[in-house]
PDB file of N, CA and C in Angstrom:
ATOM      1  N   UNK A   1      -6.031   5.374   9.646  1.00  0.00           N
ATOM      2  CA  UNK A   1      -7.351   5.022   9.582  1.00  0.00           C
ATOM      3  C   UNK A   1      -8.170   5.752  10.642  1.00  0.00           C
ATOM      4  N   UNK A   2      -7.917   6.514  11.840  1.00  0.00           N
ATOM      5  CA  UNK A   2      -8.178   7.157  12.449  1.00  0.00           C
ATOM      6  C   UNK A   2      -9.185   8.305  11.811  1.00  0.00           C
ATOM      7  N   UNK A   3      -8.498   8.758  10.543  1.00  0.00           N
ATOM      8  CA  UNK A   3      -8.941   9.882  10.123  1.00  0.00           C
ATOM      9  C   UNK A   3     -10.144   9.432   9.222  1.00  0.00           C
ATOM     10  N   UNK A   4     -10.109   8.345   8.811  1.00  0.00           N
ATOM     11  CA  UNK A   4     -11.187   7.872   7.909  1.00  0.00           C
ATOM     12  C   UNK A   4     -12.257   7.769   9.027  1.00  0.00           C
ATOM     13  N   UNK A   5     -12.080   7.048  10.233  1.00  0.00           N
ATOM     14  CA  UNK A   5     -13.406   7.026  11.304  1.00  0.00           C
ATOM     15  C   UNK A   5     -13.883   8.668  11.702  1.00  0.00           C
ATOM     16  N   UNK A   6     -12.853   9.591  11.598  1.00  0.00           N
ATOM     17  CA  UNK A   6     -13.204  10.937  12.083  1.00  0.00           C
ATOM     18  C   UNK A   6     -14.134  11.366  11.040  1.00  0.00           C
ATOM     19  N   UNK A   7     -13.851  11.090   9.657  1.00  0.00           N
ATOM     20  CA  UNK A   7     -14.751  11.719   8.722  1.00  0.00           C
ATOM     21  C   UNK A   7     -16.082  11.921   9.258  1.00  0.00           C
ATOM     22  N   UNK A   8     -16.746  10.694   9.318  1.00  0.00           N
ATOM     23  CA  UNK A   8     -18.192  10.892   9.527  1.00  0.00           C
ATOM     24  C   UNK A   8     -18.739  11.795  10.446  1.00  0.00           C
ATOM     25  N   UNK A   9     -18.062  11.873  11.699  1.00  0.00           N
ATOM     26  CA  UNK A   9     -18.294  12.507  12.961  1.00  0.00           C
ATOM     27  C   UNK A   9     -17.771  14.605  12.445  1.00  0.00           C
ATOM     28  N   UNK A  10     -17.026  14.469  11.433  1.00  0.00           N
ATOM     29  CA  UNK A  10     -16.744  15.991  10.983  1.00  0.00           C
ATOM     30  C   UNK A  10     -18.023  16.681  10.201  1.00  0.00           C
ATOM     31  N   UNK A  11     -18.641  15.307   9.241  1.00  0.00           N
ATOM     32  CA  UNK A  11     -19.544  15.808   8.483  1.00  0.00           C
ATOM     33  C   UNK A  11     -21.037  15.947   9.389  1.00  0.00           C
ATOM     34  N   UNK A  12     -20.919  15.089  10.568  1.00  0.00           N
ATOM     35  CA  UNK A  12     -22.192  15.228  11.303  1.00  0.00           C
ATOM     36  C   UNK A  12     -21.971  16.222  11.844  1.00  0.00           C
ATOM     37  N   UNK A  13     -20.892  17.257  12.253  1.00  0.00           N
ATOM     38  CA  UNK A  13     -20.828  18.418  13.103  1.00  0.00           C
ATOM     39  C   UNK A  13     -21.149  19.328  12.016  1.00  0.00           C
ATOM     40  N   UNK A  14     -20.544  19.329  10.907  1.00  0.00           N
ATOM     41  CA  UNK A  14     -20.964  20.291   9.714  1.00  0.00           C
ATOM     42  C   UNK A  14     -22.430  20.511   9.733  1.00  0.00           C
ATOM     43  N   UNK A  15     -23.004  19.335   9.333  1.00  0.00           N
ATOM     44  CA  UNK A  15     -24.683  19.225   9.376  1.00  0.00           C
ATOM     45  C   UNK A  15     -25.245  19.892  10.385  1.00  0.00           C
ATOM     46  N   UNK A  16     -24.828  19.720  11.659  1.00  0.00           N
ATOM     47  CA  UNK A  16     -25.377  20.287  12.843  1.00  0.00           C
ATOM     48  C   UNK A  16     -25.304  21.786  12.706  1.00  0.00           C
ATOM     49  N   UNK A  17     -24.164  22.248  12.273  1.00  0.00           N
ATOM     50  CA  UNK A  17     -24.005  23.722  12.267  1.00  0.00           C
ATOM     51  C   UNK A  17     -24.805  24.393  10.976  1.00  0.00           C
ATOM     52  N   UNK A  18     -25.422  23.547  10.332  1.00  0.00           N
ATOM     53  CA  UNK A  18     -25.792  23.948   9.080  1.00  0.00           C
ATOM     54  C   UNK A  18     -27.129  25.265   9.099  1.00  0.00           C
ATOM     55  N   UNK A  19     -27.405  25.004  10.402  1.00  0.00           N
ATOM     56  CA  UNK A  19     -28.577  26.093  11.037  1.00  0.00           C
ATOM     57  C   UNK A  19     -27.842  27.139  11.267  1.00  0.00           C
ATOM     58  N   UNK A  20     -26.546  27.008  11.793  1.00  0.00           N
ATOM     59  CA  UNK A  20     -26.351  28.323  11.963  1.00  0.00           C
ATOM     60  C   UNK A  20     -25.944  29.544  11.105  1.00  0.00           C
ATOM     61  N   UNK A  21     -24.991  30.356  11.751  1.00  0.00           N
ATOM     62  CA  UNK A  21     -24.855  31.648  10.896  1.00  0.00           C
ATOM     63  C   UNK A  21     -23.925  31.296   9.426  1.00  0.00           C
ATOM     64  N   UNK A  22     -23.894  32.135   8.435  1.00  0.00           N
ATOM     65  CA  UNK A  22     -23.146  31.906   7.352  1.00  0.00           C
ATOM     66  C   UNK A  22     -21.694  31.683   7.731  1.00  0.00           C
ATOM     67  N   UNK A  23     -21.511  32.472   8.566  1.00  0.00           N
ATOM     68  CA  UNK A  23     -20.029  32.284   8.999  1.00  0.00           C
ATOM     69  C   UNK A  23     -19.567  30.939   9.698  1.00  0.00           C
ATOM     70  N   UNK A  24     -20.422  30.330  10.710  1.00  0.00           N
ATOM     71  CA  UNK A  24     -20.198  29.049  11.074  1.00  0.00           C
ATOM     72  C   UNK A  24     -20.345  28.237   9.868  1.00  0.00           C
ATOM     73  N   UNK A  25     -21.437  28.274   9.014  1.00  0.00           N
ATOM     74  CA  UNK A  25     -21.343  27.378   7.788  1.00  0.00           C
ATOM     75  C   UNK A  25     -19.952  27.507   7.118  1.00  0.00           C
ATOM     76  N   UNK A  26     -19.700  28.384   7.015  1.00  0.00           N
ATOM     77  CA  UNK A  26     -18.292  28.374   6.136  1.00  0.00           C
ATOM     78  C   UNK A  26     -17.267  27.780   6.911  1.00  0.00           C
ATOM     79  N   UNK A  27     -16.960  28.088   8.259  1.00  0.00           N
ATOM     80  CA  UNK A  27     -16.099  27.384   9.176  1.00  0.00           C
ATOM     81  C   UNK A  27     -16.042  25.969   9.178  1.00  0.00           C
ATOM     82  N   UNK A  28     -17.496  25.504   9.299  1.00  0.00           N
ATOM     83  CA  UNK A  28     -17.767  23.995   8.854  1.00  0.00           C
ATOM     84  C   UNK A  28     -17.417  23.733   7.602  1.00  0.00           C
ATOM     85  N   UNK A  29     -17.792  24.068   6.599  1.00  0.00           N
ATOM     86  CA  UNK A  29     -17.305  23.530   5.304  1.00  0.00           C
ATOM     87  C   UNK A  29     -15.719  23.199   5.173  1.00  0.00           C
ATOM     88  N   UNK A  30     -15.211  24.546   6.021  1.00  0.00           N
ATOM     89  CA  UNK A  30     -13.576  24.357   5.667  1.00  0.00           C
ATOM     90  C   UNK A  30     -13.059  23.639   6.611  1.00  0.00           C
ATOM     91  N   UNK A  31     -13.970  23.191   7.723  1.00  0.00           N
ATOM     92  CA  UNK A  31     -13.216  21.790   8.347  1.00  0.00           C
ATOM     93  C   UNK A  31     -13.575  20.584   7.748  1.00  0.00           C
ATOM     94  N   UNK A  32     -14.721  20.679   7.209  1.00  0.00           N
ATOM     95  CA  UNK A  32     -14.722  19.439   6.273  1.00  0.00           C
ATOM     96  C   UNK A  32     -14.056  18.922   4.982  1.00  0.00           C
ATOM     97  N   UNK A  33     -13.785  20.013   4.609  1.00  0.00           N
ATOM     98  CA  UNK A  33     -12.802  20.163   3.192  1.00  0.00           C
ATOM     99  C   UNK A  33     -11.193  19.790   4.132  1.00  0.00           C
ATOM    100  N   UNK A  34     -10.888  20.107   4.850  1.00  0.00           N
ATOM    101  CA  UNK A  34      -9.473  19.757   5.477  1.00  0.00           C
ATOM    102  C   UNK A  34      -9.654  18.479   6.092  1.00  0.00           C
ATOM    103  N   UNK A  35     -10.730  17.927   6.395  1.00  0.00           N
ATOM    104  CA  UNK A  35     -10.696  16.357   6.721  1.00  0.00           C
ATOM    105  C   UNK A  35     -10.781  15.483   5.345  1.00  0.00           C
ATOM    106  N   UNK A  36     -11.470  16.085   4.749  1.00  0.00           N
ATOM    107  CA  UNK A  36     -11.517  15.262   3.200  1.00  0.00           C
ATOM    108  C   UNK A  36     -10.221  15.249   2.744  1.00  0.00           C
ATOM    109  N   UNK A  37      -9.212  16.475   2.738  1.00  0.00           N
ATOM    110  CA  UNK A  37      -7.919  16.436   2.108  1.00  0.00           C
ATOM    111  C   UNK A  37      -7.130  15.581   3.011  1.00  0.00           C
ATOM    112  N   UNK A  38      -7.476  15.558   4.254  1.00  0.00           N
ATOM    113  CA  UNK A  38      -6.376  14.711   5.052  1.00  0.00           C
ATOM    114  C   UNK A  38      -6.658  12.957   4.892  1.00  0.00           C
ATOM    115  N   UNK A  39      -7.859  12.870   4.818  1.00  0.00           N
ATOM    116  CA  UNK A  39      -8.560  11.216   4.388  1.00  0.00           C
ATOM    117  C   UNK A  39      -7.700  10.945   2.934  1.00  0.00           C
ATOM    118  N   UNK A  40      -7.736  11.741   1.784  1.00  0.00           N
ATOM    119  CA  UNK A  40      -7.295  11.517   0.793  1.00  0.00           C
ATOM    120  C   UNK A  40      -5.938  11.277   0.624  1.00  0.00           C
ATOM    121  N   UNK A  41      -5.117  12.272   1.389  1.00  0.00           N
ATOM    122  CA  UNK A  41      -3.566  12.066   1.558  1.00  0.00           C
ATOM    123  C   UNK A  41      -3.390  10.776   2.220  1.00  0.00           C
ATOM    124  N   UNK A  42      -3.866  10.559   3.190  1.00  0.00           N
ATOM    125  CA  UNK A  42      -3.717   9.185   4.071  1.00  0.00           C
ATOM    126  C   UNK A  42      -3.977   7.984   3.167  1.00  0.00           C
ATOM    127  N   UNK A  43      -4.990   8.047   2.070  1.00  0.00           N
ATOM    128  CA  UNK A  43      -5.375   6.937   1.285  1.00  0.00           C
ATOM    129  C   UNK A  43      -4.472   6.921   0.505  1.00  0.00           C
ATOM    130  N   UNK A  44      -4.110   7.659   0.076  1.00  0.00           N
ATOM    131  CA  UNK A  44      -3.017   8.020  -1.329  1.00  0.00           C
ATOM    132  C   UNK A  44      -1.590   7.339  -0.760  1.00  0.00           C
ATOM    133  N   UNK A  45      -1.146   7.892   0.282  1.00  0.00           N
ATOM    134  CA  UNK A  45       0.028   7.443   0.876  1.00  0.00           C
ATOM    135  C   UNK A  45       0.174   5.690   1.141  1.00  0.00           C
ATOM    136  N   UNK A  46      -1.275   5.462   1.506  1.00  0.00           N
ATOM    137  CA  UNK A  46      -1.351   3.923   1.654  1.00  0.00           C
ATOM    138  C   UNK A  46      -1.325   3.098   0.575  1.00  0.00           C
ATOM    139  N   UNK A  47      -1.703   3.510  -0.667  1.00  0.00           N
ATOM    140  CA  UNK A  47      -1.789   3.215  -1.749  1.00  0.00           C
ATOM    141  C   UNK A  47      -0.277   3.015  -2.144  1.00  0.00           C
ATOM    142  N   UNK A  48       0.569   3.844  -2.145  1.00  0.00           N
ATOM    143  CA  UNK A  48       2.126   4.006  -2.402  1.00  0.00           C
ATOM    144  C   UNK A  48       2.396   3.186  -1.477  1.00  0.00           C
ATOM    145  N   UNK A  49       2.121   2.865  -0.483  1.00  0.00           N
ATOM    146  CA  UNK A  49       2.944   1.849   0.705  1.00  0.00           C
ATOM    147  C   UNK A  49       2.464   0.509   0.093  1.00  0.00           C
ATOM    148  N   UNK A  50       1.774   0.244  -0.086  1.00  0.00           N
ATOM    149  CA  UNK A  50       1.087  -0.995  -0.874  1.00  0.00           C
ATOM    150  C   UNK A  50       1.958  -1.527  -2.035  1.00  0.00           C
ATOM    151  N   UNK A  51       2.102  -0.333  -3.001  1.00  0.00           N
ATOM    152  CA  UNK A  51       2.485  -0.621  -4.306  1.00  0.00           C
ATOM    153  C   UNK A  51       3.989  -0.689  -4.129  1.00  0.00           C
ATOM    154  N   UNK A  52       4.633  -0.204  -3.264  1.00  0.00           N
ATOM    155  CA  UNK A  52       6.324  -0.360  -2.885  1.00  0.00           C
ATOM    156  C   UNK A  52       6.196  -1.893  -2.140  1.00  0.00           C
ATOM    157  N   UNK A  53       5.604  -2.291  -1.209  1.00  0.00           N
ATOM    158  CA  UNK A  53       5.405  -3.855  -0.560  1.00  0.00           C
ATOM    159  C   UNK A  53       5.375  -4.921  -1.937  1.00  0.00           C
ATOM    160  N   UNK A  54       4.487  -4.285  -2.601  1.00  0.00           N
ATOM    161  CA  UNK A  54       4.110  -5.323  -3.797  1.00  0.00           C
ATOM    162  C   UNK A  54       5.186  -5.536  -4.835  1.00  0.00           C
ATOM    163  N   UNK A  55       5.982  -4.359  -4.844  1.00  0.00           N
ATOM    164  CA  UNK A  55       7.042  -4.577  -5.742  1.00  0.00           C
ATOM    165  C   UNK A  55       8.609  -4.975  -4.935  1.00  0.00           C
ATOM    166  N   UNK A  56       8.591  -4.952  -3.862  1.00  0.00           N
ATOM    167  CA  UNK A  56       9.662  -5.493  -3.036  1.00  0.00           C
ATOM    168  C   UNK A  56       9.321  -7.017  -3.047  1.00  0.00           C
ATOM    169  N   UNK A  57       8.083  -7.394  -2.767  1.00  0.00           N
ATOM    170  CA  UNK A  57       7.485  -9.025  -2.838  1.00  0.00           C
ATOM    171  C   UNK A  57       7.847  -9.484  -4.121  1.00  0.00           C
ATOM    172  N   UNK A  58       7.726  -8.638  -5.302  1.00  0.00           N
ATOM    173  CA  UNK A  58       7.941  -9.332  -6.650  1.00  0.00           C
ATOM    174  C   UNK A  58       9.431  -9.362  -6.894  1.00  0.00           C
ATOM    175  N   UNK A  59      10.459  -8.610  -6.349  1.00  0.00           N
ATOM    176  CA  UNK A  59      11.538  -8.781  -6.250  1.00  0.00           C
ATOM    177  C   UNK A  59      12.359  -9.606  -5.776  1.00  0.00           C
ATOM    178  N   UNK A  60      11.892  -9.992  -4.404  1.00  0.00           N
ATOM    179  CA  UNK A  60      12.392 -11.135  -3.821  1.00  0.00           C
ATOM    180  C   UNK A  60      11.836 -12.393  -4.274  1.00  0.00           C
ATOM    181  N   UNK A  61      10.816 -12.663  -4.835  1.00  0.00           N
ATOM    182  CA  UNK A  61      10.191 -13.761  -5.648  1.00  0.00           C
ATOM    183  C   UNK A  61      10.993 -13.954  -7.037  1.00  0.00           C
ATOM    184  N   UNK A  62      11.291 -13.014  -7.779  1.00  0.00           N
ATOM    185  CA  UNK A  62      12.289 -13.115  -8.677  1.00  0.00           C
ATOM    186  C   UNK A  62      13.755 -13.503  -8.371  1.00  0.00           C
ATOM    187  N   UNK A  63      14.101 -13.065  -7.285  1.00  0.00           N
ATOM    188  CA  UNK A  63      15.427 -13.348  -6.819  1.00  0.00           C
ATOM    189  C   UNK A  63      15.454 -14.723  -6.478  1.00  0.00           C
ATOM    190  N   UNK A  64      14.175 -14.931  -5.775  1.00  0.00           N
ATOM    191  CA  UNK A  64      14.551 -16.505  -5.099  1.00  0.00           C
ATOM    192  C   UNK A  64      14.252 -17.573  -6.624  1.00  0.00           C
ATOM    193  N   UNK A  65      13.604 -17.332  -7.496  1.00  0.00           N
ATOM    194  CA  UNK A  65      13.116 -18.024  -8.517  1.00  0.00           C
ATOM    195  C   UNK A  65      14.704 -18.333  -9.519  1.00  0.00           C
ATOM    196  N   UNK A  66      15.136 -17.084  -9.619  1.00  0.00           N
ATOM    197  CA  UNK A  66      16.886 -17.243  -9.980  1.00  0.00           C
ATOM    198  C   UNK A  66      17.502 -18.089  -9.304  1.00  0.00           C
ATOM    199  N   UNK A  67      17.739 -18.046  -7.959  1.00  0.00           N
ATOM    200  CA  UNK A  67      18.413 -18.695  -7.234  1.00  0.00           C
ATOM    201  C   UNK A  67      18.047 -20.281  -7.099  1.00  0.00           C
ATOM    202  N   UNK A  68      17.108 -20.656  -7.152  1.00  0.00           N
ATOM    203  CA  UNK A  68      16.352 -21.871  -7.633  1.00  0.00           C
ATOM    204  C   UNK A  68      16.945 -22.240  -8.937  1.00  0.00           C
ATOM    205  N   UNK A  69      16.781 -21.618  -9.921  1.00  0.00           N
ATOM    206  CA  UNK A  69      17.201 -22.021 -10.947  1.00  0.00           C
ATOM    207  C   UNK A  69      18.606 -22.406 -11.217  1.00  0.00           C
ATOM    208  N   UNK A  70      19.548 -21.174 -10.503  1.00  0.00           N
ATOM    209  CA  UNK A  70      20.624 -21.756 -10.481  1.00  0.00           C
ATOM    210  C   UNK A  70      21.445 -23.245  -9.706  1.00  0.00           C
ATOM    211  N   UNK A  71      20.326 -23.113  -8.846  1.00  0.00           N
ATOM    212  CA  UNK A  71      20.517 -24.265  -7.967  1.00  0.00           C
ATOM    213  C   UNK A  71      20.456 -25.668  -8.672  1.00  0.00           C
ATOM    214  N   UNK A  72      19.264 -25.735  -9.461  1.00  0.00           N
ATOM    215  CA  UNK A  72      18.816 -26.714 -10.365  1.00  0.00           C
ATOM    216  C   UNK A  72      19.901 -26.845 -11.487  1.00  0.00           C
ATOM    217  N   UNK A  73      20.525 -26.087 -12.034  1.00  0.00           N
ATOM    218  CA  UNK A  73      21.608 -26.014 -12.887  1.00  0.00           C
ATOM    219  C   UNK A  73      22.766 -26.528 -12.421  1.00  0.00           C
ATOM    220  N   UNK A  74      23.101 -26.162 -11.301  1.00  0.00           N
ATOM    221  CA  UNK A  74      24.478 -26.894 -10.829  1.00  0.00           C
ATOM    222  C   UNK A  74      24.225 -28.074 -10.543  1.00  0.00           C
ATOM    223  N   UNK A  75      23.079 -28.401 -10.004  1.00  0.00           N
ATOM    224  CA  UNK A  75      22.830 -30.133  -9.609  1.00  0.00           C
ATOM    225  C   UNK A  75      22.660 -30.742 -11.132  1.00  0.00           C
ATOM    226  N   UNK A  76      22.221 -30.351 -12.216  1.00  0.00           N
ATOM    227  CA  UNK A  76      22.225 -31.088 -13.246  1.00  0.00           C
ATOM    228  C   UNK A  76      23.878 -31.090 -13.883  1.00  0.00           C
ATOM    229  N   UNK A  77      24.740 -30.170 -13.616  1.00  0.00           N
ATOM    230  CA  UNK A  77      25.830 -30.087 -14.195  1.00  0.00           C
ATOM    231  C   UNK A  77      26.279 -31.433 -13.517  1.00  0.00           C
ATOM    232  N   UNK A  78      26.374 -31.246 -11.900  1.00  0.00           N
ATOM    233  CA  UNK A  78      26.799 -32.342 -11.048  1.00  0.00           C
ATOM    234  C   UNK A  78      26.382 -33.854 -11.438  1.00  0.00           C
ATOM    235  N   UNK A  79      25.384 -33.923 -11.753  1.00  0.00           N
ATOM    236  CA  UNK A  79      24.745 -35.311 -12.397  1.00  0.00           C
ATOM    237  C   UNK A  79      25.256 -35.663 -13.522  1.00  0.00           C
ATOM    238  N   UNK A  80      25.364 -34.657 -14.584  1.00  0.00           N
ATOM    239  CA  UNK A  80      26.228 -34.854 -15.765  1.00  0.00           C
ATOM    240  C   UNK A  80      27.665 -35.590 -15.559  1.00  0.00           C
ATOM    241  N   UNK A  81      28.614 -34.768 -14.810  1.00  0.00           N
ATOM    242  CA  UNK A  81      29.748 -35.034 -14.543  1.00  0.00           C
ATOM    243  C   UNK A  81      29.907 -36.371 -13.950  1.00  0.00           C
ATOM    244  N   UNK A  82      29.097 -36.819 -12.732  1.00  0.00           N
ATOM    245  CA  UNK A  82      29.310 -37.649 -12.280  1.00  0.00           C
ATOM    246  C   UNK A  82      28.788 -39.142 -13.627  1.00  0.00           C
ATOM    247  N   UNK A  83      27.795 -38.864 -13.830  1.00  0.00           N
ATOM    248  CA  UNK A  83      27.919 -39.947 -15.102  1.00  0.00           C
ATOM    249  C   UNK A  83      28.876 -40.180 -15.992  1.00  0.00           C
ATOM    250  N   UNK A  84      29.522 -38.921 -16.314  1.00  0.00           N
ATOM    251  CA  UNK A  84      30.610 -38.918 -17.341  1.00  0.00           C
ATOM    252  C   UNK A  84      31.889 -39.797 -16.774  1.00  0.00           C
ATOM    253  N   UNK A  85      32.021 -39.763 -15.181  1.00  0.00           N
ATOM    254  CA  UNK A  85      32.995 -40.339 -14.800  1.00  0.00           C
ATOM    255  C   UNK A  85      32.570 -41.682 -14.238  1.00  0.00           C
ATOM    256  N   UNK A  86      31.554 -42.177 -14.330  1.00  0.00           N
ATOM    257  CA  UNK A  86      30.888 -43.493 -14.336  1.00  0.00           C
ATOM    258  C   UNK A  86      31.207 -44.460 -15.425  1.00  0.00           C
ATOM    259  N   UNK A  87      31.610 -43.682 -16.573  1.00  0.00           N
ATOM    260  CA  UNK A  87      31.398 -44.624 -17.773  1.00  0.00           C
ATOM    261  C   UNK A  87      32.943 -44.737 -18.101  1.00  0.00           C
TER     262      UNK A  87
END
């Protein structure tokens, strides 16, 4: 998040140096490229983390649904057994 907030500052500094020498402009462009690469890497990592969390949540939900189905099946079997015993 800090890198995302830093990018506009780096871009402003790069624009401020635009009136300077060619070497200064090249250094500013390199700094901007580095900042952009850092932001892209951070965003990509965040997307991966969110995807992994969503997968884990889906797996947990599937496990909970399966466990609920098993409980209901066992309850149905118990009711059926009790009905058979009552006859």
